[in-house]
């Protein structure tokens, strides 16, 4: 297993000349920060979100809090410590108080009869398993962020896989809640009515309330377990959920001096999003501007001071402590019009006070990327963006075809191989739709379908076939995983723009078939794909069992879709929301 190393006590650090040394030292925990934000431009003002009771929102799917037994002080007089000679009578007296309070709160549910006044037990449980399965766990007060500063080291391959899966499941839960919250809000207010629904805030709030945010028990310096360089996030709130950054608007996340053991603040991560006019970003070399002194239009209007996050950055430079760098920038096609990419660890090599472009004094920090890390995710993202528009100018060699679909798809499908001379995909016929045996379609012209001429409604025939509700929201995102989804078909009267014809609209993301030394042929996307969005149809020629046996004897490789793992069930699964 990996180890969590308490961060070294900065009081015990050597002189500044050797401050960057990484030698181990005896440690004392640093305490919880009171974050002072470096104000950054936010996509939209953060509204105060409260999920409405009675609505079918993600929060309404969760168990309501169990009533507290002794919330009313008038009904629960404070008991005095029993005397040694009267311990049994005191026990019975307290038991009677507990039973009375419990019965009073459950009387409205009709469960008071289960309380036997002659029983020594508080509650009689006949079937323990059933009792546990139906138990409602009350909401707990959200955990405050820890002030203990640690560094995670020596993770094994098994540890890496474990933490990666934890982050993957947490992000999937966040996106599931976000998509569902947006869907419920639009259904309540009407599509396009009012301000854009902020499902990102709702999802993060619900998860925080149920203590599903990661890395709250420790404040990590350096890499976050399970988060890899190049990971892309569509919302700043998602950075908080996984513990990569600690503030929704603050550009500098740090441990303030008022909470640290030696009284000095320490910076742990920064977001570079172009909010300061004096920032200079060259990738591996970054000139970062301190916080403060800006007006509401993000213009510098006064001198900055060496305090808060500015001082934390200077102290991190003094002690040679690395910081995580997340870059945020506008991206066409993003659900939030912006993306945030984790680009790895940087060290602060210089700090100075300078006159900015607006004529006011600002603090500047020169950060250099630590060597030996994977390529920056932001660089890969920009490279993919250039491939979408001018592939041959970016990669003049390696493309076997600029569209192996032969214009059968809405967007070109590239074929790339710069490894060997394998041209096999060019010899296949490209299928846009699955080919079924003729006898499968036996209903002929007597097929049934909905009669929603202007578009399907929630009560139409096709919604009933999907269990009473459509599988997609109004933006085409899957609400929750299902083994089978019934879309409107050829016998339905609804138009091609119907919300229940998502897969029939074809490919929308630009894909590239590529050759890999590790896995052979594979497919990758040049576009960012949102969670719950349709990607492509797994098309081919469907064979009968007899036909499959013949092809197998001929040495052909067959694919059996029924053997795919049922990971579709993870999307939209909110079961873990009820166990915290």
Protein backbone atom coordinates (compact mmCIF):
# COMPACT_ATOMS: atom_id res chain seq x y z
CA UNK A 1 0.00 0.00 0.00
CA UNK A 2 1.06 3.59 -0.48
CA UNK A 3 1.83 5.77 2.45
CA UNK A 4 0.42 9.10 3.57
CA UNK A 5 3.33 11.19 4.77
CA UNK A 6 2.52 14.03 7.19
CA UNK A 7 3.94 17.24 5.76
CA UNK A 8 7.16 18.44 7.35
CA UNK A 9 6.91 21.05 10.10
CA UNK A 10 8.09 24.26 8.50
CA UNK A 11 9.43 25.38 11.90
CA UNK A 12 11.99 22.60 11.61
CA UNK A 13 13.05 23.42 8.07
CA UNK A 14 16.73 24.28 7.40
CA UNK A 15 17.95 27.66 6.26
CA UNK A 16 16.60 29.10 2.98
CA UNK A 17 19.66 27.89 1.11
CA UNK A 18 18.67 24.29 1.79
CA UNK A 19 14.93 24.83 2.05
CA UNK A 20 14.18 22.98 -1.16
CA UNK A 21 15.67 19.77 0.21
CA UNK A 22 13.27 16.84 0.32
CA UNK A 23 14.88 15.03 3.24
CA UNK A 24 12.37 13.57 5.69
CA UNK A 25 11.86 15.30 9.00
CA UNK A 26 9.78 14.90 12.13
CA UNK A 27 6.33 16.23 11.48
CA UNK A 28 3.52 18.11 13.10
CA UNK A 29 0.14 18.42 11.37
CA UNK A 30 -0.81 21.75 9.85
CA UNK A 31 -4.34 22.86 10.52
CA UNK A 32 -7.40 23.61 8.42
CA UNK A 33 -7.25 26.67 6.17
CA UNK A 34 -9.60 29.57 6.11
CA UNK A 35 -9.40 30.14 2.37
CA UNK A 36 -9.08 33.71 1.20
CA UNK A 37 -9.99 33.69 -2.48
CA UNK A 38 -8.10 35.04 -5.39
CA UNK A 39 -11.15 36.30 -7.22
CA UNK A 40 -11.41 34.70 -10.64
CA UNK A 41 -14.08 35.24 -13.33
CA UNK A 42 -16.89 32.76 -12.88
CA UNK A 43 -19.05 31.41 -15.68
CA UNK A 44 -22.16 32.71 -13.94
CA UNK A 45 -22.98 34.13 -10.51
CA UNK A 46 -23.36 31.34 -8.02
CA UNK A 47 -26.99 31.19 -6.91
CA UNK A 48 -28.07 29.67 -3.66
CA UNK A 49 -29.53 26.31 -4.61
CA UNK A 50 -32.14 24.58 -2.55
CA UNK A 51 -33.77 21.46 -3.93
CA UNK A 52 -37.51 21.68 -3.71
CA UNK A 53 -39.39 19.12 -1.68
CA UNK A 54 -42.02 17.20 -3.55
CA UNK A 55 -40.21 17.44 -6.88
CA UNK A 56 -38.69 14.35 -8.44
CA UNK A 57 -35.18 15.72 -8.08
CA UNK A 58 -32.05 13.77 -7.19
CA UNK A 59 -32.47 14.83 -3.59
CA UNK A 60 -36.05 13.56 -3.51
CA UNK A 61 -34.72 10.15 -4.51
CA UNK A 62 -32.62 10.07 -1.38
CA UNK A 63 -33.80 8.95 2.00
CA UNK A 64 -35.17 11.62 4.27
CA UNK A 65 -33.38 12.15 7.54
CA UNK A 66 -34.45 9.95 10.39
CA UNK A 67 -36.08 11.91 13.22
CA UNK A 68 -33.80 12.63 16.11
CA UNK A 69 -34.89 10.92 19.30
CA UNK A 70 -34.05 13.77 21.65
CA UNK A 71 -34.28 16.93 19.57
CA UNK A 72 -36.82 18.49 21.96
CA UNK A 73 -35.11 19.46 25.17
CA UNK A 74 -38.44 19.82 26.98
CA UNK A 75 -39.20 16.14 26.54
CA UNK A 76 -35.73 15.00 27.51
CA UNK A 77 -34.75 16.32 30.90
CA UNK A 78 -31.10 16.03 31.68
CA UNK A 79 -30.48 12.98 33.84
CA UNK A 80 -28.22 13.13 36.87
CA UNK A 81 -25.48 10.52 37.39
CA UNK A 82 -27.03 7.57 39.25
CA UNK A 83 -25.87 6.66 42.70
CA UNK A 84 -24.00 3.42 43.13
CA UNK A 85 -26.88 1.91 45.17
CA UNK A 86 -29.55 3.02 42.73
CA UNK A 87 -28.06 2.11 39.35
CA UNK A 88 -30.85 -0.26 38.26
CA UNK A 89 -33.68 2.16 38.97
CA UNK A 90 -31.82 4.90 37.13
CA UNK A 91 -31.37 2.58 34.12
CA UNK A 92 -35.09 1.81 34.02
CA UNK A 93 -35.93 5.50 34.34
CA UNK A 94 -33.71 6.45 31.38
CA UNK A 95 -35.06 3.53 29.35
CA UNK A 96 -38.59 4.75 29.97
CA UNK A 97 -37.65 8.26 28.84
CA UNK A 98 -36.08 6.87 25.68
CA UNK A 99 -39.11 4.67 24.97
CA UNK A 100 -41.50 7.58 25.51
CA UNK A 101 -39.58 9.94 23.24
CA UNK A 102 -39.22 7.26 20.57
CA UNK A 103 -42.92 6.41 20.65
CA UNK A 104 -43.94 10.06 20.45
CA UNK A 105 -41.99 10.58 17.22
CA UNK A 106 -43.18 7.37 15.62
CA UNK A 107 -46.83 7.64 16.57
CA UNK A 108 -47.66 9.48 13.36
CA UNK A 109 -46.23 6.58 11.36
CA UNK A 110 -48.33 3.97 13.14
CA UNK A 111 -45.31 2.12 14.52
CA UNK A 112 -45.81 2.76 18.22
CA UNK A 113 -47.36 -0.67 18.77
CA UNK A 114 -44.03 -2.38 18.27
CA UNK A 115 -42.77 -0.86 21.52
CA UNK A 116 -43.51 -3.32 24.28
CA UNK A 117 -43.61 -1.41 27.57
CA UNK A 118 -42.50 -4.56 29.41
CA UNK A 119 -39.56 -5.19 27.14
CA UNK A 120 -36.00 -4.59 28.27
CA UNK A 121 -35.06 -3.74 24.67
CA UNK A 122 -35.43 -0.30 23.19
CA UNK A 123 -36.85 -1.64 19.91
CA UNK A 124 -37.99 -5.16 19.18
CA UNK A 125 -36.39 -6.38 15.94
CA UNK A 126 -37.85 -9.58 14.53
CA UNK A 127 -35.91 -9.78 11.27
CA UNK A 128 -32.58 -8.04 11.59
CA UNK A 129 -31.72 -8.21 7.88
CA UNK A 130 -34.99 -6.60 6.88
CA UNK A 131 -34.52 -3.91 9.49
CA UNK A 132 -31.09 -3.01 8.16
CA UNK A 133 -32.19 -3.01 4.53
CA UNK A 134 -34.97 -0.54 5.25
CA UNK A 135 -33.02 1.65 7.62
CA UNK A 136 -32.89 5.34 6.82
CA UNK A 137 -29.56 6.92 7.59
CA UNK A 138 -29.89 10.56 8.68
CA UNK A 139 -28.00 13.28 6.91
CA UNK A 140 -24.89 14.34 8.69
CA UNK A 141 -23.33 17.73 8.94
CA UNK A 142 -20.94 18.24 6.00
CA UNK A 143 -17.36 17.48 6.94
CA UNK A 144 -15.13 20.51 7.12
CA UNK A 145 -11.95 20.42 5.12
CA UNK A 146 -9.04 19.03 7.08
CA UNK A 147 -6.07 21.14 8.06
CA UNK A 148 -3.64 18.22 8.18
CA UNK A 149 -1.12 18.71 5.39
CA UNK A 150 0.16 15.42 3.91
CA UNK A 151 1.87 14.05 0.80
CA UNK A 152 0.87 10.68 -0.68
CA UNK A 153 3.84 8.56 -1.78
CA UNK A 154 4.81 5.03 -2.85
CA UNK A 155 1.50 3.98 -4.36
CA UNK A 156 1.58 0.49 -5.86
CA UNK A 157 -0.08 -0.36 -9.17
CA UNK A 158 -2.97 -1.88 -7.24
CA UNK A 159 -3.33 1.31 -5.19
CA UNK A 160 -3.33 3.39 -8.35
CA UNK A 161 -6.12 1.28 -9.87
CA UNK A 162 -8.14 1.48 -6.67
CA UNK A 163 -7.95 5.26 -6.32
CA UNK A 164 -8.53 5.72 -10.04
CA UNK A 165 -11.74 3.71 -9.78
CA UNK A 166 -12.84 5.72 -6.73
CA UNK A 167 -12.39 8.96 -8.66
CA UNK A 168 -14.14 7.50 -11.72
CA UNK A 169 -17.18 6.43 -9.71
CA UNK A 170 -17.33 9.73 -7.85
CA UNK A 171 -17.23 11.72 -11.08
CA UNK A 172 -19.86 9.45 -12.61
CA UNK A 173 -22.14 10.01 -9.63
CA UNK A 174 -21.58 13.76 -9.88
CA UNK A 175 -22.44 13.81 -13.59
CA UNK A 176 -25.49 11.59 -13.04
CA UNK A 177 -26.84 13.97 -10.41
CA UNK A 178 -26.02 17.00 -12.55
CA UNK A 179 -27.82 15.68 -15.65
CA UNK A 180 -30.83 14.62 -13.61
CA UNK A 181 -31.00 17.93 -11.73
CA UNK A 182 -30.96 19.91 -15.00
CA UNK A 183 -33.67 17.66 -16.43
CA UNK A 184 -35.94 18.10 -13.41
CA UNK A 185 -35.40 21.86 -13.33
CA UNK A 186 -36.21 22.23 -17.03
CA UNK A 187 -39.26 20.04 -16.64
CA UNK A 188 -40.48 22.19 -13.77
CA UNK A 189 -39.86 25.59 -15.38
CA UNK A 190 -40.12 24.69 -19.04
CA UNK A 191 -37.33 24.43 -21.61
CA UNK A 192 -35.61 27.75 -22.23
CA UNK A 193 -37.54 29.52 -19.49
CA UNK A 194 -35.59 31.57 -16.98
CA UNK A 195 -31.89 31.26 -16.28
CA UNK A 196 -29.89 28.22 -17.23
CA UNK A 197 -30.26 25.43 -14.69
CA UNK A 198 -27.10 25.01 -12.63
CA UNK A 199 -27.04 21.27 -12.13
CA UNK A 200 -23.32 21.45 -11.35
CA UNK A 201 -24.04 23.40 -8.16
CA UNK A 202 -26.95 21.18 -7.19
CA UNK A 203 -24.96 17.97 -7.66
CA UNK A 204 -21.97 19.21 -5.67
CA UNK A 205 -24.21 20.48 -2.87
CA UNK A 206 -26.03 17.16 -2.53
CA UNK A 207 -22.78 15.18 -2.54
CA UNK A 208 -21.18 17.48 0.03
CA UNK A 209 -24.20 17.17 2.27
CA UNK A 210 -23.80 13.40 2.24
CA UNK A 211 -20.02 13.50 2.67
CA UNK A 212 -19.28 12.11 -0.79
CA UNK A 213 -16.58 14.64 -1.60
CA UNK A 214 -13.11 13.11 -1.78
CA UNK A 215 -9.97 14.02 0.18
CA UNK A 216 -11.69 16.08 2.84
CA UNK A 217 -10.00 14.24 5.71
CA UNK A 218 -6.51 15.25 4.57
CA UNK A 219 -5.15 18.28 2.73
CA UNK A 220 -2.83 16.82 0.12
CA UNK A 221 0.33 18.47 -1.19
CA UNK A 222 1.36 17.24 -4.62
CA UNK A 223 -0.53 14.69 -6.71
CA UNK A 224 -4.06 13.63 -5.77
CA UNK A 225 -4.46 9.80 -5.79
CA UNK A 226 -6.71 8.75 -8.66
CA UNK A 227 -6.43 12.05 -10.57
CA UNK A 228 -4.12 11.87 -13.57
CA UNK A 229 -2.43 14.56 -15.61
CA UNK A 230 -4.69 15.33 -18.57
CA UNK A 231 -7.97 14.76 -16.74
CA UNK A 232 -10.61 17.17 -18.06
CA UNK A 233 -13.37 18.75 -15.98
CA UNK A 234 -16.30 20.74 -17.32
CA UNK A 235 -17.14 22.52 -14.05
CA UNK A 236 -15.08 24.12 -11.29
CA UNK A 237 -17.32 22.49 -8.71
CA UNK A 238 -16.11 19.11 -9.92
CA UNK A 239 -12.57 20.11 -8.92
CA UNK A 240 -13.83 20.54 -5.38
CA UNK A 241 -15.66 17.21 -5.40
CA UNK A 242 -12.49 15.23 -6.19
CA UNK A 243 -10.27 17.41 -3.99
CA UNK A 244 -8.06 18.77 -6.76
CA UNK A 245 -8.76 22.41 -5.83
CA UNK A 246 -10.47 23.84 -2.80
CA UNK A 247 -12.56 26.80 -4.01
CA UNK A 248 -15.20 27.45 -6.62
CA UNK A 249 -13.90 30.97 -7.37
CA UNK A 250 -10.53 31.28 -5.70
CA UNK A 251 -7.55 31.00 -8.01
CA UNK A 252 -5.14 30.14 -5.19
CA UNK A 253 -5.91 27.32 -2.76
CA UNK A 254 -3.76 27.48 0.34
CA UNK A 255 -3.43 26.76 4.02
CA UNK A 256 -3.63 30.18 5.75
CA UNK A 257 -1.10 31.16 8.36
CA UNK A 258 -3.78 31.54 11.02
CA UNK A 259 -4.33 27.78 10.85
CA UNK A 260 -0.77 26.52 10.38
CA UNK A 261 1.65 25.40 13.07
CA UNK A 262 4.30 27.99 12.27
CA UNK A 263 1.97 30.83 11.30
CA UNK A 264 2.95 30.80 7.62
CA UNK A 265 0.51 30.08 4.77
CA UNK A 266 1.27 27.36 2.19
CA UNK A 267 -0.19 27.23 -1.34
CA UNK A 268 -1.31 23.82 -2.67
CA UNK A 269 -2.93 24.51 -6.06
CA UNK A 270 -3.72 27.28 -8.52
CA UNK A 271 -6.11 27.72 -11.44
CA UNK A 272 -4.84 29.58 -14.51
CA UNK A 273 -7.91 30.80 -16.39
CA UNK A 274 -6.91 34.12 -17.90
CA UNK A 275 -8.55 36.20 -15.21
CA UNK A 276 -5.52 38.45 -14.76
CA UNK A 277 -4.15 40.56 -17.60
CA UNK A 278 -0.54 40.19 -16.45
CA UNK A 279 -0.45 36.38 -16.60
CA UNK A 280 1.98 34.89 -19.14
CA UNK A 281 1.53 31.22 -20.00
CA UNK A 282 4.14 29.37 -22.07
CA UNK A 283 3.21 25.87 -20.94
CA UNK A 284 6.21 24.58 -18.99
CA UNK A 285 6.99 28.15 -17.86
CA UNK A 286 4.23 30.18 -16.24
CA UNK A 287 4.19 33.76 -14.96
CA UNK A 288 1.30 33.85 -12.52
CA UNK A 289 -0.17 37.05 -11.10
CA UNK A 290 -1.16 37.29 -7.45
CA UNK A 291 -4.65 38.08 -6.23
CA UNK A 292 -6.39 41.25 -5.16
CA UNK A 293 -6.75 44.79 -6.43
CA UNK A 294 -9.36 44.13 -9.14
CA UNK A 295 -12.76 45.64 -9.74
CA UNK A 296 -15.91 43.79 -10.78
CA UNK A 297 -14.80 43.86 -14.42
CA UNK A 298 -11.53 42.07 -13.58
CA UNK A 299 -9.50 45.24 -14.15
CA UNK A 300 -6.60 46.09 -11.86
CA UNK A 301 -7.58 49.18 -9.87
CA UNK A 302 -5.18 49.19 -6.90
CA UNK A 303 -1.89 47.76 -5.68
CA UNK A 304 -1.74 44.18 -4.49
CA UNK A 305 -0.51 43.25 -1.02
CA UNK A 306 1.72 40.42 0.15
CA UNK A 307 -0.95 38.67 2.17
CA UNK A 308 -3.31 35.72 1.90
CA UNK A 309 -2.73 33.71 -1.25
CA UNK A 310 0.09 36.00 -2.38
CA UNK A 311 2.04 35.31 0.79
CA UNK A 312 1.21 31.60 0.54
CA UNK A 313 2.77 31.45 -2.93
CA UNK A 314 5.91 33.22 -1.66
CA UNK A 315 6.21 30.83 1.30
CA UNK A 316 5.76 27.80 -0.97
CA UNK A 317 8.62 29.14 -3.07
CA UNK A 318 10.74 29.65 0.06
CA UNK A 319 10.24 26.06 1.24
CA UNK A 320 10.40 24.48 -2.23
CA UNK A 321 6.84 23.14 -2.08
CA UNK A 322 5.24 22.20 -5.39
CA UNK A 323 1.74 23.29 -6.40
CA UNK A 324 -0.86 21.68 -8.64
CA UNK A 325 -1.68 23.67 -11.78
CA UNK A 326 -5.13 23.50 -13.40
CA UNK A 327 -5.70 25.42 -16.61
CA UNK A 328 -9.14 26.70 -17.55
CA UNK A 329 -10.03 28.01 -20.99
CA UNK A 330 -12.92 28.45 -23.36
CA UNK A 331 -13.74 25.38 -25.41
CA UNK A 332 -16.31 25.12 -28.18
CA UNK A 333 -18.70 22.25 -27.59
CA UNK A 334 -18.33 22.15 -23.82
CA UNK A 335 -21.58 21.91 -21.88
CA UNK A 336 -20.34 24.81 -19.73
CA UNK A 337 -18.51 26.61 -22.61
CA UNK A 338 -15.31 26.11 -20.61
CA UNK A 339 -13.03 23.25 -19.56
CA UNK A 340 -10.47 22.75 -16.80
CA UNK A 341 -7.47 20.50 -17.37
CA UNK A 342 -5.05 19.22 -14.74
CA UNK A 343 -1.53 19.85 -16.07
CA UNK A 344 0.60 18.47 -13.23
CA UNK A 345 3.01 19.84 -10.63
CA UNK A 346 5.00 23.07 -10.81
CA UNK A 347 7.55 24.67 -8.51
CA UNK A 348 7.73 28.40 -7.82
CA UNK A 349 11.23 29.64 -8.69
CA UNK A 350 10.88 33.40 -8.39
CA UNK A 351 8.64 36.09 -6.93
CA UNK A 352 8.73 39.86 -7.46
CA UNK A 353 6.64 43.00 -7.23
CA UNK A 354 6.11 44.69 -10.59
CA UNK A 355 4.01 47.38 -12.24
CA UNK A 356 1.25 45.74 -14.26
CA UNK A 357 -0.32 46.75 -17.55
CA UNK A 358 -2.88 48.90 -15.74
CA UNK A 359 -0.20 50.84 -13.88
CA UNK A 360 -0.75 49.24 -10.49
CA UNK A 361 1.67 47.09 -8.55
CA UNK A 362 1.12 43.33 -8.76
CA UNK A 363 2.95 40.31 -7.39
CA UNK A 364 4.26 37.91 -10.00
CA UNK A 365 5.46 34.34 -9.62
CA UNK A 366 7.54 32.33 -12.05
CA UNK A 367 6.56 28.65 -12.04
CA UNK A 368 8.47 25.88 -13.83
CA UNK A 369 6.91 22.51 -14.57
CA UNK A 370 8.63 19.61 -12.81
CA UNK A 371 10.39 17.35 -15.31
CA UNK A 372 9.52 13.70 -15.91
CA UNK A 373 5.74 14.16 -15.93
CA UNK A 374 3.38 13.08 -18.74
CA UNK A 375 2.52 15.60 -21.44
CA UNK A 376 0.27 18.45 -20.36
CA UNK A 377 -3.41 17.75 -20.88
CA UNK A 378 -4.06 21.27 -22.14
CA UNK A 379 -1.45 20.77 -24.88
CA UNK A 380 -3.09 17.50 -25.96
CA UNK A 381 -6.49 19.17 -25.99
CA UNK A 382 -5.28 22.01 -28.20
CA UNK A 383 -3.54 19.51 -30.49
CA UNK A 384 -6.78 17.55 -30.90
CA UNK A 385 -8.60 20.79 -31.64
CA UNK A 386 -6.19 21.55 -34.49
CA UNK A 387 -6.60 18.01 -35.87
CA UNK A 388 -10.32 18.59 -36.25
CA UNK A 389 -9.81 21.47 -38.65
CA UNK A 390 -6.50 20.81 -40.45
CA UNK A 391 -5.28 17.24 -39.86
CA UNK A 392 -2.82 17.05 -42.77
CA UNK A 393 -1.00 20.24 -41.83
CA UNK A 394 -0.61 19.05 -38.24
CA UNK A 395 0.27 15.43 -39.06
CA UNK A 396 1.33 15.21 -42.72
CA UNK A 397 2.25 11.52 -42.44
CA UNK A 398 0.22 8.59 -41.14
CA UNK A 399 -3.28 9.24 -42.43
CA UNK A 400 -4.58 6.36 -44.56
CA UNK A 401 -7.99 7.94 -45.08
CA UNK A 402 -9.63 11.21 -44.15
CA UNK A 403 -13.05 9.52 -44.03
CA UNK A 404 -13.36 5.73 -44.01
CA UNK A 405 -17.15 6.09 -43.79
CA UNK A 406 -17.29 7.42 -47.35
CA UNK A 407 -19.47 10.35 -46.21
CA UNK A 408 -22.02 7.96 -44.72
CA UNK A 409 -21.64 9.66 -41.35
CA UNK A 410 -22.47 13.23 -40.41
CA UNK A 411 -18.79 13.90 -39.70
CA UNK A 412 -15.61 12.34 -41.19
CA UNK A 413 -14.04 9.29 -39.53
CA UNK A 414 -10.25 9.44 -39.84
CA UNK A 415 -7.94 6.42 -40.23
CA UNK A 416 -4.41 6.86 -38.86
CA UNK A 417 -1.42 4.51 -38.71
CA UNK A 418 2.17 5.71 -38.30
CA UNK A 419 3.41 2.43 -36.78
CA UNK A 420 3.39 -0.22 -39.50
CA UNK A 421 1.99 -1.05 -42.93
CA UNK A 422 -1.34 -2.50 -41.78
CA UNK A 423 -4.17 -1.20 -44.01
CA UNK A 424 -6.80 -3.76 -42.96
CA UNK A 425 -9.64 -1.34 -42.05
CA UNK A 426 -9.64 -0.07 -45.65
CA UNK A 427 -10.75 -3.51 -46.88
CA UNK A 428 -13.96 -3.57 -44.82
CA UNK A 429 -17.34 -2.22 -45.81
CA UNK A 430 -18.37 0.60 -43.50
CA UNK A 431 -21.79 -0.04 -41.91
CA UNK A 432 -23.74 2.84 -40.45
CA UNK A 433 -26.55 0.61 -39.16
CA UNK A 434 -26.69 -2.99 -37.97
CA UNK A 435 -27.75 -5.57 -40.57
CA UNK A 436 -30.33 -8.05 -39.23
CA UNK A 437 -31.54 -11.32 -40.81
CA UNK A 438 -34.68 -10.74 -42.94
CA UNK A 439 -36.95 -12.89 -40.77
CA UNK A 440 -36.41 -10.60 -37.77
CA UNK A 441 -38.81 -8.00 -39.18
CA UNK A 442 -42.04 -9.98 -39.21
CA UNK A 443 -44.47 -7.24 -38.25
CA UNK A 444 -44.53 -5.77 -41.78
CA UNK A 445 -46.91 -2.90 -42.24
CA UNK A 446 -48.91 -3.69 -39.09
CA UNK A 447 -46.35 -2.28 -36.68
CA UNK A 448 -47.47 -0.07 -33.83
CA UNK A 449 -46.01 3.29 -32.89
CA UNK A 450 -46.85 6.57 -31.24
CA UNK A 451 -49.02 9.22 -32.90
CA UNK A 452 -47.18 12.26 -31.52
CA UNK A 453 -47.09 14.34 -34.69
CA UNK A 454 -45.29 17.36 -33.26
CA UNK A 455 -43.00 15.44 -30.91
CA UNK A 456 -43.35 12.90 -28.13
CA UNK A 457 -44.74 13.81 -24.74
CA UNK A 458 -44.16 12.13 -21.40
CA UNK A 459 -47.34 10.07 -21.70
CA UNK A 460 -46.98 8.72 -25.21
CA UNK A 461 -46.87 5.05 -26.17
CA UNK A 462 -43.07 4.98 -26.51
CA UNK A 463 -42.59 6.43 -23.04
CA UNK A 464 -44.73 3.63 -21.63
CA UNK A 465 -42.48 1.04 -23.30
CA UNK A 466 -39.51 2.63 -21.51
CA UNK A 467 -41.13 2.14 -18.13
CA UNK A 468 -43.26 5.27 -18.08
CA UNK A 469 -40.56 7.84 -18.84
CA UNK A 470 -38.12 8.58 -21.64
CA UNK A 471 -34.55 7.41 -21.30
CA UNK A 472 -33.14 10.77 -22.46
CA UNK A 473 -33.48 14.34 -21.30
CA UNK A 474 -34.33 17.18 -23.70
CA UNK A 475 -30.64 17.59 -24.61
CA UNK A 476 -30.22 13.94 -25.59
CA UNK A 477 -28.33 12.85 -22.45
CA UNK A 478 -29.10 9.45 -20.97
CA UNK A 479 -30.69 9.88 -17.55
CA UNK A 480 -29.81 6.44 -16.19
CA UNK A 481 -28.44 3.20 -17.58
CA UNK A 482 -30.91 0.65 -18.94
CA UNK A 483 -30.37 -2.77 -20.54
CA UNK A 484 -32.75 -1.88 -23.39
CA UNK A 485 -33.93 1.52 -24.63
CA UNK A 486 -36.97 1.79 -26.88
CA UNK A 487 -36.63 4.68 -29.29
CA UNK A 488 -39.36 5.83 -31.64
CA UNK A 489 -39.32 3.76 -34.82
CA UNK A 490 -40.50 3.68 -38.41
CA UNK A 491 -44.16 3.34 -37.42
CA UNK A 492 -44.15 6.39 -35.12
CA UNK A 493 -45.62 9.67 -36.34
CA UNK A 494 -43.11 11.93 -34.54
CA UNK A 495 -40.51 13.92 -36.56
CA UNK A 496 -36.75 13.13 -36.75
CA UNK A 497 -36.14 15.85 -34.14
CA UNK A 498 -38.11 13.92 -31.52
CA UNK A 499 -36.30 13.67 -28.19
CA UNK A 500 -36.68 9.88 -28.34
CA UNK A 501 -34.66 9.47 -31.56
CA UNK A 502 -31.19 10.21 -30.19
CA UNK A 503 -29.19 7.34 -31.70
CA UNK A 504 -30.95 7.76 -35.06
CA UNK A 505 -29.37 11.18 -35.57
CA UNK A 506 -26.04 9.49 -36.18
CA UNK A 507 -22.48 10.33 -35.28
CA UNK A 508 -21.80 13.80 -33.91
CA UNK A 509 -18.32 13.46 -32.44
CA UNK A 510 -15.27 13.35 -34.69
CA UNK A 511 -13.64 9.94 -34.24
CA UNK A 512 -10.31 8.57 -35.39
CA UNK A 513 -9.48 4.90 -35.95
CA UNK A 514 -5.79 4.52 -35.04
CA UNK A 515 -3.10 1.88 -34.79
CA UNK A 516 -1.50 1.17 -31.39
CA UNK A 517 1.44 -1.05 -30.46
CA UNK A 518 -0.28 -2.09 -27.25
CA UNK A 519 -3.81 -2.92 -28.42
CA UNK A 520 -3.76 -3.00 -32.22
CA UNK A 521 -6.59 -1.01 -33.78
CA UNK A 522 -8.60 1.33 -31.61
CA UNK A 523 -10.92 4.35 -31.73
CA UNK A 524 -10.39 7.73 -30.08
CA UNK A 525 -12.34 10.97 -30.13
CA UNK A 526 -11.09 14.36 -31.26
CA UNK A 527 -14.02 15.96 -29.44
CA UNK A 528 -14.77 16.04 -25.74
CA UNK A 529 -17.66 13.68 -24.99
CA UNK A 530 -19.99 14.63 -22.15
CA UNK A 531 -21.13 12.03 -19.65
CA UNK A 532 -24.44 10.51 -20.73
CA UNK A 533 -24.08 11.62 -24.36
CA UNK A 534 -24.59 9.26 -27.31
CA UNK A 535 -21.31 8.31 -29.00
CA UNK A 536 -21.95 5.84 -31.81
CA UNK A 537 -23.83 2.67 -32.68
CA UNK A 538 -22.01 -0.65 -32.27
CA UNK A 539 -22.97 -1.85 -35.74
CA UNK A 540 -22.31 -5.09 -37.60
CA UNK A 541 -23.96 -8.10 -39.25
CA UNK A 542 -26.17 -10.10 -36.88
CA UNK A 543 -25.84 -13.87 -37.37
CA UNK A 544 -28.06 -16.76 -36.38
CA UNK A 545 -26.56 -19.51 -34.22
CA UNK A 546 -26.18 -21.75 -37.27
CA UNK A 547 -24.43 -19.01 -39.22
CA UNK A 548 -22.16 -18.27 -36.26
CA UNK A 549 -21.03 -21.90 -36.12
CA UNK A 550 -20.12 -21.86 -39.80
CA UNK A 551 -18.11 -18.64 -39.48
CA UNK A 552 -16.36 -19.97 -36.36
CA UNK A 553 -15.28 -23.13 -38.19
CA UNK A 554 -13.91 -20.89 -40.93
CA UNK A 555 -11.66 -19.16 -38.38
CA UNK A 556 -13.51 -15.85 -38.26
CA UNK A 557 -13.59 -13.86 -35.03
CA UNK A 558 -17.09 -13.17 -33.73
CA UNK A 559 -18.30 -10.67 -31.16
CA UNK A 560 -21.01 -11.61 -28.67
CA UNK A 561 -22.61 -8.41 -27.30
CA UNK A 562 -24.43 -10.36 -24.58
CA UNK A 563 -21.03 -11.06 -23.03
CA UNK A 564 -20.27 -7.39 -22.50
CA UNK A 565 -20.10 -6.41 -18.85
CA UNK A 566 -23.22 -4.72 -17.47
CA UNK A 567 -21.42 -1.47 -16.66
CA UNK A 568 -24.35 0.43 -18.10
CA UNK A 569 -25.96 -0.02 -14.67
CA UNK A 570 -23.42 2.31 -13.06
CA UNK A 571 -24.71 5.36 -14.91
CA UNK A 572 -27.46 7.03 -12.91
CA UNK A 573 -27.10 4.64 -9.97
CA UNK A 574 -27.80 6.71 -6.86
CA UNK A 575 -27.78 3.81 -4.41
CA UNK A 576 -24.64 4.99 -2.64
CA UNK A 577 -26.42 8.25 -1.82
CA UNK A 578 -28.46 6.35 0.79
CA UNK A 579 -25.64 4.80 2.77
CA UNK A 580 -23.72 7.82 3.99
